[in-house]
Amino acid sequence: MIYVFHLLDKPNGLELRQRIRPEHKAYLAAVADRMAFAGPLLADDGVTMVGSVLAIDFDSREAALRWQADEPFTKAGLYASVAVHAFQNLWPQKVGFPPQA
C-alpha cells in the first residue's frame, strides 16, 4: 500500500532543513525503489522549502510510521505537523511532467 506523508516544517526551519538535507536524501535513497513520488512543498515564491510530500510503498501503516519516526528531519525536530495517509493512485503518472519550456 502506498502511504502519503504530508509534512510541514516549523516556522524558521529552513536552516535546519538545509543542514539535515544530505542525511534526509540518503534515507530516501534507501526506499527509492518503493517511492511513487517525493519532493519539497514550496512557499508562494516557488523557491523556499516549507515541508515535504512523500508517497512510498510500505507493507503496513505501522511500517510507514516506523520509517517516519527514524527519518532524519523527524529526528531533528523539523516538522510542525505530520500526516500519514494510505493512498490509492487511480491516475496514471505522466512521463516528463510538467512540460519544460
PDB file of N, CA and C in Angstrom:
ATOM      1  N   MET A   1       0.852  -1.171   0.000  1.00  0.00           N
ATOM      2  CA  MET A   1       0.000   0.000   0.000  1.00  0.00           C
ATOM      3  C   MET A   1       0.899   1.236   0.000  1.00  0.00           C
ATOM      4  N   ILE A   2       0.537   2.213  -0.806  1.00  0.00           N
ATOM      5  CA  ILE A   2       1.269   3.474  -0.815  1.00  0.00           C
ATOM      6  C   ILE A   2       0.759   4.342   0.335  1.00  0.00           C
ATOM      7  N   TYR A   3       1.696   4.949   1.039  1.00  0.00           N
ATOM      8  CA  TYR A   3       1.369   5.896   2.099  1.00  0.00           C
ATOM      9  C   TYR A   3       1.929   7.256   1.720  1.00  0.00           C
ATOM     10  N   VAL A   4       1.085   8.277   1.860  1.00  0.00           N
ATOM     11  CA  VAL A   4       1.488   9.648   1.569  1.00  0.00           C
ATOM     12  C   VAL A   4       1.776  10.350   2.889  1.00  0.00           C
ATOM     13  N   PHE A   5       2.930  10.988   2.937  1.00  0.00           N
ATOM     14  CA  PHE A   5       3.367  11.745   4.100  1.00  0.00           C
ATOM     15  C   PHE A   5       3.251  13.222   3.742  1.00  0.00           C
ATOM     16  N   HIS A   6       2.442  13.957   4.495  1.00  0.00           N
ATOM     17  CA  HIS A   6       2.312  15.411   4.311  1.00  0.00           C
ATOM     18  C   HIS A   6       2.965  16.037   5.535  1.00  0.00           C
ATOM     19  N   LEU A   7       4.093  16.703   5.323  1.00  0.00           N
ATOM     20  CA  LEU A   7       4.956  17.145   6.411  1.00  0.00           C
ATOM     21  C   LEU A   7       5.213  18.638   6.292  1.00  0.00           C
ATOM     22  N   LEU A   8       4.830  19.389   7.304  1.00  0.00           N
ATOM     23  CA  LEU A   8       5.041  20.842   7.299  1.00  0.00           C
ATOM     24  C   LEU A   8       6.106  21.214   8.317  1.00  0.00           C
ATOM     25  N   ASP A   9       7.044  22.042   7.868  1.00  0.00           N
ATOM     26  CA  ASP A   9       8.143  22.468   8.729  1.00  0.00           C
ATOM     27  C   ASP A   9       7.668  23.442   9.798  1.00  0.00           C
ATOM     28  N   LYS A  10       8.416  23.475  10.891  1.00  0.00           N
ATOM     29  CA  LYS A  10       8.206  24.502  11.906  1.00  0.00           C
ATOM     30  C   LYS A  10       8.599  25.855  11.318  1.00  0.00           C
ATOM     31  N   PRO A  11       8.039  26.934  11.820  1.00  0.00           N
ATOM     32  CA  PRO A  11       8.462  28.263  11.353  1.00  0.00           C
ATOM     33  C   PRO A  11       9.978  28.424  11.497  1.00  0.00           C
ATOM     34  N   ASN A  12      10.563  29.104  10.544  1.00  0.00           N
ATOM     35  CA  ASN A  12      12.008  29.367  10.556  1.00  0.00           C
ATOM     36  C   ASN A  12      12.842  28.090  10.552  1.00  0.00           C
ATOM     37  N   GLY A  13      12.340  27.048   9.897  1.00  0.00           N
ATOM     38  CA  GLY A  13      13.046  25.769   9.867  1.00  0.00           C
ATOM     39  C   GLY A  13      13.999  25.597   8.704  1.00  0.00           C
ATOM     40  N   LEU A  14      14.137  26.604   7.860  1.00  0.00           N
ATOM     41  CA  LEU A  14      14.922  26.446   6.641  1.00  0.00           C
ATOM     42  C   LEU A  14      16.383  26.103   6.911  1.00  0.00           C
ATOM     43  N   GLU A  15      16.997  26.735   7.887  1.00  0.00           N
ATOM     44  CA  GLU A  15      18.410  26.449   8.193  1.00  0.00           C
ATOM     45  C   GLU A  15      18.565  24.997   8.634  1.00  0.00           C
ATOM     46  N   LEU A  16      17.681  24.521   9.500  1.00  0.00           N
ATOM     47  CA  LEU A  16      17.730  23.125   9.946  1.00  0.00           C
ATOM     48  C   LEU A  16      17.506  22.193   8.762  1.00  0.00           C
ATOM     49  N   ARG A  17      16.545  22.509   7.912  1.00  0.00           N
ATOM     50  CA  ARG A  17      16.261  21.697   6.724  1.00  0.00           C
ATOM     51  C   ARG A  17      17.518  21.573   5.851  1.00  0.00           C
ATOM     52  N   GLN A  18      18.170  22.694   5.591  1.00  0.00           N
ATOM     53  CA  GLN A  18      19.351  22.685   4.732  1.00  0.00           C
ATOM     54  C   GLN A  18      20.491  21.875   5.357  1.00  0.00           C
ATOM     55  N   ARG A  19      20.628  21.986   6.666  1.00  0.00           N
ATOM     56  CA  ARG A  19      21.719  21.281   7.362  1.00  0.00           C
ATOM     57  C   ARG A  19      21.516  19.770   7.358  1.00  0.00           C
ATOM     58  N   ILE A  20      20.280  19.314   7.532  1.00  0.00           N
ATOM     59  CA  ILE A  20      19.981  17.883   7.646  1.00  0.00           C
ATOM     60  C   ILE A  20      19.692  17.250   6.286  1.00  0.00           C
ATOM     61  N   ARG A  21      19.500  18.051   5.259  1.00  0.00           N
ATOM     62  CA  ARG A  21      19.058  17.560   3.952  1.00  0.00           C
ATOM     63  C   ARG A  21      19.921  16.422   3.375  1.00  0.00           C
ATOM     64  N   PRO A  22      21.243  16.448   3.481  1.00  0.00           N
ATOM     65  CA  PRO A  22      22.011  15.302   2.950  1.00  0.00           C
ATOM     66  C   PRO A  22      21.641  13.972   3.614  1.00  0.00           C
ATOM     67  N   GLU A  23      21.432  13.979   4.918  1.00  0.00           N
ATOM     68  CA  GLU A  23      21.019  12.765   5.626  1.00  0.00           C
ATOM     69  C   GLU A  23      19.620  12.333   5.170  1.00  0.00           C
ATOM     70  N   HIS A  24      18.730  13.309   5.022  1.00  0.00           N
ATOM     71  CA  HIS A  24      17.364  13.052   4.567  1.00  0.00           C
ATOM     72  C   HIS A  24      17.379  12.391   3.187  1.00  0.00           C
ATOM     73  N   LYS A  25      18.167  12.941   2.263  1.00  0.00           N
ATOM     74  CA  LYS A  25      18.228  12.391   0.915  1.00  0.00           C
ATOM     75  C   LYS A  25      18.810  10.982   0.906  1.00  0.00           C
ATOM     76  N   ALA A  26      19.797  10.722   1.729  1.00  0.00           N
ATOM     77  CA  ALA A  26      20.361   9.374   1.836  1.00  0.00           C
ATOM     78  C   ALA A  26      19.326   8.396   2.381  1.00  0.00           C
ATOM     79  N   TYR A  27      18.539   8.832   3.352  1.00  0.00           N
ATOM     80  CA  TYR A  27      17.482   7.993   3.934  1.00  0.00           C
ATOM     81  C   TYR A  27      16.434   7.671   2.880  1.00  0.00           C
ATOM     82  N   LEU A  28      16.058   8.662   2.067  1.00  0.00           N
ATOM     83  CA  LEU A  28      15.100   8.431   0.986  1.00  0.00           C
ATOM     84  C   LEU A  28      15.662   7.473  -0.058  1.00  0.00           C
ATOM     85  N   ALA A  29      16.943   7.572  -0.337  1.00  0.00           N
ATOM     86  CA  ALA A  29      17.562   6.711  -1.348  1.00  0.00           C
ATOM     87  C   ALA A  29      17.401   5.232  -1.005  1.00  0.00           C
ATOM     88  N   ALA A  30      17.343   4.923   0.280  1.00  0.00           N
ATOM     89  CA  ALA A  30      17.198   3.528   0.708  1.00  0.00           C
ATOM     90  C   ALA A  30      15.838   2.942   0.345  1.00  0.00           C
ATOM     91  N   VAL A  31      14.835   3.800   0.071  1.00  0.00           N
ATOM     92  CA  VAL A  31      13.500   3.319  -0.320  1.00  0.00           C
ATOM     93  C   VAL A  31      13.130   3.785  -1.731  1.00  0.00           C
ATOM     94  N   ALA A  32      14.114   4.205  -2.508  1.00  0.00           N
ATOM     95  CA  ALA A  32      13.854   4.759  -3.841  1.00  0.00           C
ATOM     96  C   ALA A  32      13.087   3.795  -4.737  1.00  0.00           C
ATOM     97  N   ASP A  33      13.334   2.499  -4.600  1.00  0.00           N
ATOM     98  CA  ASP A  33      12.651   1.511  -5.439  1.00  0.00           C
ATOM     99  C   ASP A  33      11.171   1.362  -5.076  1.00  0.00           C
ATOM    100  N   ARG A  34      10.752   1.907  -3.933  1.00  0.00           N
ATOM    101  CA  ARG A  34       9.347   1.834  -3.498  1.00  0.00           C
ATOM    102  C   ARG A  34       8.664   3.197  -3.501  1.00  0.00           C
ATOM    103  N   MET A  35       9.355   4.219  -4.023  1.00  0.00           N
ATOM    104  CA  MET A  35       8.843   5.578  -3.976  1.00  0.00           C
ATOM    105  C   MET A  35       8.026   5.898  -5.225  1.00  0.00           C
ATOM    106  N   ALA A  36       6.796   6.372  -5.013  1.00  0.00           N
ATOM    107  CA  ALA A  36       5.958   6.808  -6.132  1.00  0.00           C
ATOM    108  C   ALA A  36       6.326   8.236  -6.525  1.00  0.00           C
ATOM    109  N   PHE A  37       6.503   9.101  -5.529  1.00  0.00           N
ATOM    110  CA  PHE A  37       6.960  10.473  -5.757  1.00  0.00           C
ATOM    111  C   PHE A  37       7.395  11.068  -4.434  1.00  0.00           C
ATOM    112  N   ALA A  38       8.183  12.131  -4.519  1.00  0.00           N
ATOM    113  CA  ALA A  38       8.660  12.820  -3.321  1.00  0.00           C
ATOM    114  C   ALA A  38       9.201  14.179  -3.717  1.00  0.00           C
ATOM    115  N   GLY A  39       9.073  15.134  -2.803  1.00  0.00           N
ATOM    116  CA  GLY A  39       9.654  16.439  -3.048  1.00  0.00           C
ATOM    117  C   GLY A  39       9.238  17.430  -1.997  1.00  0.00           C
ATOM    118  N   PRO A  40       9.873  18.610  -2.040  1.00  0.00           N
ATOM    119  CA  PRO A  40       9.561  19.636  -1.050  1.00  0.00           C
ATOM    120  C   PRO A  40       8.270  20.376  -1.389  1.00  0.00           C
ATOM    121  N   LEU A  41       7.577  20.798  -0.354  1.00  0.00           N
ATOM    122  CA  LEU A  41       6.495  21.777  -0.501  1.00  0.00           C
ATOM    123  C   LEU A  41       7.150  23.146  -0.519  1.00  0.00           C
ATOM    124  N   LEU A  42       6.615  24.036  -1.351  1.00  0.00           N
ATOM    125  CA  LEU A  42       7.237  25.345  -1.522  1.00  0.00           C
ATOM    126  C   LEU A  42       6.306  26.463  -1.085  1.00  0.00           C
ATOM    127  N   ALA A  43       6.907  27.544  -0.608  1.00  0.00           N
ATOM    128  CA  ALA A  43       6.161  28.765  -0.302  1.00  0.00           C
ATOM    129  C   ALA A  43       5.682  29.367  -1.621  1.00  0.00           C
ATOM    130  N   ASP A  44       4.865  30.392  -1.529  1.00  0.00           N
ATOM    131  CA  ASP A  44       4.312  31.037  -2.719  1.00  0.00           C
ATOM    132  C   ASP A  44       5.374  31.607  -3.654  1.00  0.00           C
ATOM    133  N   ASP A  45       6.599  31.797  -3.147  1.00  0.00           N
ATOM    134  CA  ASP A  45       7.660  32.293  -4.025  1.00  0.00           C
ATOM    135  C   ASP A  45       8.174  31.221  -4.980  1.00  0.00           C
ATOM    136  N   GLY A  46       7.715  29.967  -4.781  1.00  0.00           N
ATOM    137  CA  GLY A  46       8.119  28.866  -5.654  1.00  0.00           C
ATOM    138  C   GLY A  46       9.529  28.372  -5.434  1.00  0.00           C
ATOM    139  N   VAL A  47      10.190  28.862  -4.373  1.00  0.00           N
ATOM    140  CA  VAL A  47      11.588  28.514  -4.111  1.00  0.00           C
ATOM    141  C   VAL A  47      11.798  28.015  -2.682  1.00  0.00           C
ATOM    142  N   THR A  48      11.265  28.734  -1.707  1.00  0.00           N
ATOM    143  CA  THR A  48      11.504  28.442  -0.297  1.00  0.00           C
ATOM    144  C   THR A  48      10.800  27.161   0.126  1.00  0.00           C
ATOM    145  N   MET A  49      11.574  26.185   0.636  1.00  0.00           N
ATOM    146  CA  MET A  49      11.008  24.917   1.082  1.00  0.00           C
ATOM    147  C   MET A  49      10.336  25.089   2.444  1.00  0.00           C
ATOM    148  N   VAL A  50       9.097  24.595   2.551  1.00  0.00           N
ATOM    149  CA  VAL A  50       8.326  24.728   3.789  1.00  0.00           C
ATOM    150  C   VAL A  50       7.800  23.389   4.305  1.00  0.00           C
ATOM    151  N   GLY A  51       8.150  22.308   3.650  1.00  0.00           N
ATOM    152  CA  GLY A  51       7.684  20.993   4.058  1.00  0.00           C
ATOM    153  C   GLY A  51       8.028  19.965   3.000  1.00  0.00           C
ATOM    154  N   SER A  52       7.389  18.803   3.111  1.00  0.00           N
ATOM    155  CA  SER A  52       7.643  17.711   2.178  1.00  0.00           C
ATOM    156  C   SER A  52       6.369  16.928   1.916  1.00  0.00           C
ATOM    157  N   VAL A  53       6.299  16.337   0.734  1.00  0.00           N
ATOM    158  CA  VAL A  53       5.282  15.342   0.405  1.00  0.00           C
ATOM    159  C   VAL A  53       6.020  14.130  -0.139  1.00  0.00           C
ATOM    160  N   LEU A  54       5.732  12.979   0.443  1.00  0.00           N
ATOM    161  CA  LEU A  54       6.360  11.736   0.028  1.00  0.00           C
ATOM    162  C   LEU A  54       5.269  10.694  -0.177  1.00  0.00           C
ATOM    163  N   ALA A  55       5.411   9.853  -1.178  1.00  0.00           N
ATOM    164  CA  ALA A  55       4.496   8.736  -1.402  1.00  0.00           C
ATOM    165  C   ALA A  55       5.344   7.485  -1.586  1.00  0.00           C
ATOM    166  N   ILE A  56       5.255   6.575  -0.609  1.00  0.00           N
ATOM    167  CA  ILE A  56       6.144   5.416  -0.567  1.00  0.00           C
ATOM    168  C   ILE A  56       5.334   4.166  -0.242  1.00  0.00           C
ATOM    169  N   ASP A  57       5.667   3.075  -0.882  1.00  0.00           N
ATOM    170  CA  ASP A  57       5.002   1.794  -0.654  1.00  0.00           C
ATOM    171  C   ASP A  57       5.566   1.120   0.603  1.00  0.00           C
ATOM    172  N   PHE A  58       4.673   0.760   1.511  1.00  0.00           N
ATOM    173  CA  PHE A  58       5.039   0.019   2.724  1.00  0.00           C
ATOM    174  C   PHE A  58       4.069  -1.145   2.905  1.00  0.00           C
ATOM    175  N   ASP A  59       4.495  -2.173   3.628  1.00  0.00           N
ATOM    176  CA  ASP A  59       3.648  -3.337   3.882  1.00  0.00           C
ATOM    177  C   ASP A  59       2.476  -3.015   4.796  1.00  0.00           C
ATOM    178  N   SER A  60       2.636  -1.997   5.635  1.00  0.00           N
ATOM    179  CA  SER A  60       1.585  -1.664   6.601  1.00  0.00           C
ATOM    180  C   SER A  60       1.745  -0.217   7.063  1.00  0.00           C
ATOM    181  N   ARG A  61       0.689   0.301   7.670  1.00  0.00           N
ATOM    182  CA  ARG A  61       0.753   1.643   8.255  1.00  0.00           C
ATOM    183  C   ARG A  61       1.806   1.684   9.358  1.00  0.00           C
ATOM    184  N   GLU A  62       1.890   0.621  10.126  1.00  0.00           N
ATOM    185  CA  GLU A  62       2.872   0.564  11.208  1.00  0.00           C
ATOM    186  C   GLU A  62       4.289   0.678  10.655  1.00  0.00           C
ATOM    187  N   ALA A  63       4.569  -0.002   9.533  1.00  0.00           N
ATOM    188  CA  ALA A  63       5.897   0.088   8.904  1.00  0.00           C
ATOM    189  C   ALA A  63       6.159   1.506   8.412  1.00  0.00           C
ATOM    190  N   ALA A  64       5.148   2.145   7.844  1.00  0.00           N
ATOM    191  CA  ALA A  64       5.292   3.525   7.373  1.00  0.00           C
ATOM    192  C   ALA A  64       5.590   4.460   8.544  1.00  0.00           C
ATOM    193  N   LEU A  65       4.886   4.281   9.643  1.00  0.00           N
ATOM    194  CA  LEU A  65       5.099   5.138  10.815  1.00  0.00           C
ATOM    195  C   LEU A  65       6.470   4.902  11.447  1.00  0.00           C
ATOM    196  N   ARG A  66       6.926   3.655  11.452  1.00  0.00           N
ATOM    197  CA  ARG A  66       8.277   3.358  11.972  1.00  0.00           C
ATOM    198  C   ARG A  66       9.331   4.049  11.108  1.00  0.00           C
ATOM    199  N   TRP A  67       9.135   3.957   9.767  1.00  0.00           N
ATOM    200  CA  TRP A  67      10.069   4.603   8.850  1.00  0.00           C
ATOM    201  C   TRP A  67      10.091   6.107   9.121  1.00  0.00           C
ATOM    202  N   GLN A  68       8.925   6.704   9.263  1.00  0.00           N
ATOM    203  CA  GLN A  68       8.822   8.145   9.504  1.00  0.00           C
ATOM    204  C   GLN A  68       9.507   8.537  10.810  1.00  0.00           C
ATOM    205  N   ALA A  69       9.361   7.726  11.834  1.00  0.00           N
ATOM    206  CA  ALA A  69       9.963   8.036  13.134  1.00  0.00           C
ATOM    207  C   ALA A  69      11.488   8.097  13.052  1.00  0.00           C
ATOM    208  N   ASP A  70      12.085   7.323  12.140  1.00  0.00           N
ATOM    209  CA  ASP A  70      13.539   7.297  12.001  1.00  0.00           C
ATOM    210  C   ASP A  70      14.069   8.254  10.933  1.00  0.00           C
ATOM    211  N   GLU A  71      13.179   8.945  10.244  1.00  0.00           N
ATOM    212  CA  GLU A  71      13.566   9.859   9.170  1.00  0.00           C
ATOM    213  C   GLU A  71      14.361  11.031   9.761  1.00  0.00           C
ATOM    214  N   PRO A  72      15.482  11.424   9.148  1.00  0.00           N
ATOM    215  CA  PRO A  72      16.350  12.447   9.739  1.00  0.00           C
ATOM    216  C   PRO A  72      15.678  13.783  10.048  1.00  0.00           C
ATOM    217  N   PHE A  73      14.798  14.288   9.187  1.00  0.00           N
ATOM    218  CA  PHE A  73      14.113  15.541   9.506  1.00  0.00           C
ATOM    219  C   PHE A  73      13.232  15.383  10.744  1.00  0.00           C
ATOM    220  N   THR A  74      12.579  14.232  10.857  1.00  0.00           N
ATOM    221  CA  THR A  74      11.742  13.959  12.022  1.00  0.00           C
ATOM    222  C   THR A  74      12.601  13.938  13.282  1.00  0.00           C
ATOM    223  N   LYS A  75      13.698  13.191  13.229  1.00  0.00           N
ATOM    224  CA  LYS A  75      14.574  13.069  14.395  1.00  0.00           C
ATOM    225  C   LYS A  75      15.193  14.401  14.793  1.00  0.00           C
ATOM    226  N   ALA A  76      15.393  15.290  13.812  1.00  0.00           N
ATOM    227  CA  ALA A  76      15.974  16.604  14.092  1.00  0.00           C
ATOM    228  C   ALA A  76      14.939  17.598  14.612  1.00  0.00           C
ATOM    229  N   GLY A  77      13.645  17.221  14.580  1.00  0.00           N
ATOM    230  CA  GLY A  77      12.599  18.103  15.087  1.00  0.00           C
ATOM    231  C   GLY A  77      12.159  19.173  14.103  1.00  0.00           C
ATOM    232  N   LEU A  78      12.323  18.930  12.800  1.00  0.00           N
ATOM    233  CA  LEU A  78      11.979  19.931  11.798  1.00  0.00           C
ATOM    234  C   LEU A  78      10.483  20.151  11.648  1.00  0.00           C
ATOM    235  N   TYR A  79       9.689  19.094  11.755  1.00  0.00           N
ATOM    236  CA  TYR A  79       8.284  19.188  11.367  1.00  0.00           C
ATOM    237  C   TYR A  79       7.379  19.734  12.469  1.00  0.00           C
ATOM    238  N   ALA A  80       6.511  20.667  12.060  1.00  0.00           N
ATOM    239  CA  ALA A  80       5.462  21.175  12.946  1.00  0.00           C
ATOM    240  C   ALA A  80       4.256  20.257  12.900  1.00  0.00           C
ATOM    241  N   SER A  81       4.029  19.632  11.744  1.00  0.00           N
ATOM    242  CA  SER A  81       2.905  18.699  11.633  1.00  0.00           C
ATOM    243  C   SER A  81       3.255  17.571  10.686  1.00  0.00           C
ATOM    244  N   VAL A  82       2.725  16.404  11.015  1.00  0.00           N
ATOM    245  CA  VAL A  82       2.945  15.193  10.232  1.00  0.00           C
ATOM    246  C   VAL A  82       1.598  14.516  10.040  1.00  0.00           C
ATOM    247  N   ALA A  83       1.258  14.218   8.791  1.00  0.00           N
ATOM    248  CA  ALA A  83       0.054  13.447   8.483  1.00  0.00           C
ATOM    249  C   ALA A  83       0.457  12.321   7.553  1.00  0.00           C
ATOM    250  N   VAL A  84      -0.016  11.116   7.860  1.00  0.00           N
ATOM    251  CA  VAL A  84       0.287   9.937   7.049  1.00  0.00           C
ATOM    252  C   VAL A  84      -1.027   9.279   6.675  1.00  0.00           C
ATOM    253  N   HIS A  85      -1.232   9.084   5.373  1.00  0.00           N
ATOM    254  CA  HIS A  85      -2.484   8.518   4.876  1.00  0.00           C
ATOM    255  C   HIS A  85      -2.212   7.436   3.851  1.00  0.00           C
ATOM    256  N   ALA A  86      -3.018   6.378   3.878  1.00  0.00           N
ATOM    257  CA  ALA A  86      -2.988   5.387   2.807  1.00  0.00           C
ATOM    258  C   ALA A  86      -3.486   6.066   1.534  1.00  0.00           C
ATOM    259  N   PHE A  87      -2.947   5.640   0.390  1.00  0.00           N
ATOM    260  CA  PHE A  87      -3.235   6.307  -0.874  1.00  0.00           C
ATOM    261  C   PHE A  87      -3.397   5.266  -1.971  1.00  0.00           C
ATOM    262  N   GLN A  88      -4.388   5.475  -2.804  1.00  0.00           N
ATOM    263  CA  GLN A  88      -4.581   4.623  -3.982  1.00  0.00           C
ATOM    264  C   GLN A  88      -4.453   5.494  -5.221  1.00  0.00           C
ATOM    265  N   ASN A  89      -3.469   5.218  -6.041  1.00  0.00           N
ATOM    266  CA  ASN A  89      -3.236   6.007  -7.247  1.00  0.00           C
ATOM    267  C   ASN A  89      -4.151   5.497  -8.362  1.00  0.00           C
ATOM    268  N   LEU A  90      -5.125   6.311  -8.746  1.00  0.00           N
ATOM    269  CA  LEU A  90      -6.066   5.941  -9.793  1.00  0.00           C
ATOM    270  C   LEU A  90      -5.821   6.689 -11.098  1.00  0.00           C
ATOM    271  N   TRP A  91      -4.789   7.519 -11.129  1.00  0.00           N
ATOM    272  CA  TRP A  91      -4.497   8.293 -12.326  1.00  0.00           C
ATOM    273  C   TRP A  91      -3.065   7.980 -12.763  1.00  0.00           C
ATOM    274  N   PRO A  92      -2.871   7.606 -14.015  1.00  0.00           N
ATOM    275  CA  PRO A  92      -1.512   7.239 -14.449  1.00  0.00           C
ATOM    276  C   PRO A  92      -0.551   8.426 -14.388  1.00  0.00           C
ATOM    277  N   GLN A  93       0.678   8.124 -14.050  1.00  0.00           N
ATOM    278  CA  GLN A  93       1.713   9.151 -13.995  1.00  0.00           C
ATOM    279  C   GLN A  93       2.073   9.599 -15.408  1.00  0.00           C
ATOM    280  N   LYS A  94       2.367  10.868 -15.550  1.00  0.00           N
ATOM    281  CA  LYS A  94       2.797  11.408 -16.837  1.00  0.00           C
ATOM    282  C   LYS A  94       4.316  11.490 -16.848  1.00  0.00           C
ATOM    283  N   VAL A  95       4.902  10.916 -17.859  1.00  0.00           N
ATOM    284  CA  VAL A  95       6.351  10.998 -18.016  1.00  0.00           C
ATOM    285  C   VAL A  95       6.678  12.386 -18.546  1.00  0.00           C
ATOM    286  N   GLY A  96       7.682  13.019 -17.981  1.00  0.00           N
ATOM    287  CA  GLY A  96       8.090  14.334 -18.437  1.00  0.00           C
ATOM    288  C   GLY A  96       7.165  15.455 -18.038  1.00  0.00           C
ATOM    289  N   PHE A  97       6.429  15.290 -16.935  1.00  0.00           N
ATOM    290  CA  PHE A  97       5.512  16.321 -16.478  1.00  0.00           C
ATOM    291  C   PHE A  97       6.126  17.021 -15.276  1.00  0.00           C
ATOM    292  N   PRO A  98       6.070  18.301 -15.172  1.00  0.00           N
ATOM    293  CA  PRO A  98       5.431  19.226 -16.102  1.00  0.00           C
ATOM    294  C   PRO A  98       6.290  19.434 -17.341  1.00  0.00           C
ATOM    295  N   PRO A  99       5.665  19.815 -18.446  1.00  0.00           N
ATOM    296  CA  PRO A  99       6.449  20.038 -19.668  1.00  0.00           C
ATOM    297  C   PRO A  99       7.453  21.167 -19.477  1.00  0.00           C
ATOM    298  N   GLN A 100       8.604  21.008 -20.034  1.00  0.00           N
ATOM    299  CA  GLN A 100       9.640  22.027 -19.950  1.00  0.00           C
ATOM    300  C   GLN A 100       9.507  22.988 -21.126  1.00  0.00           C
ATOM    301  N   ALA A 101       9.653  24.270 -20.859  1.00  0.00           N
ATOM    302  CA  ALA A 101       9.518  25.278 -21.923  1.00  0.00           C
ATOM    303  C   ALA A 101      10.743  25.315 -22.807  1.00  0.00           C
TER     304      ALA A 101
END
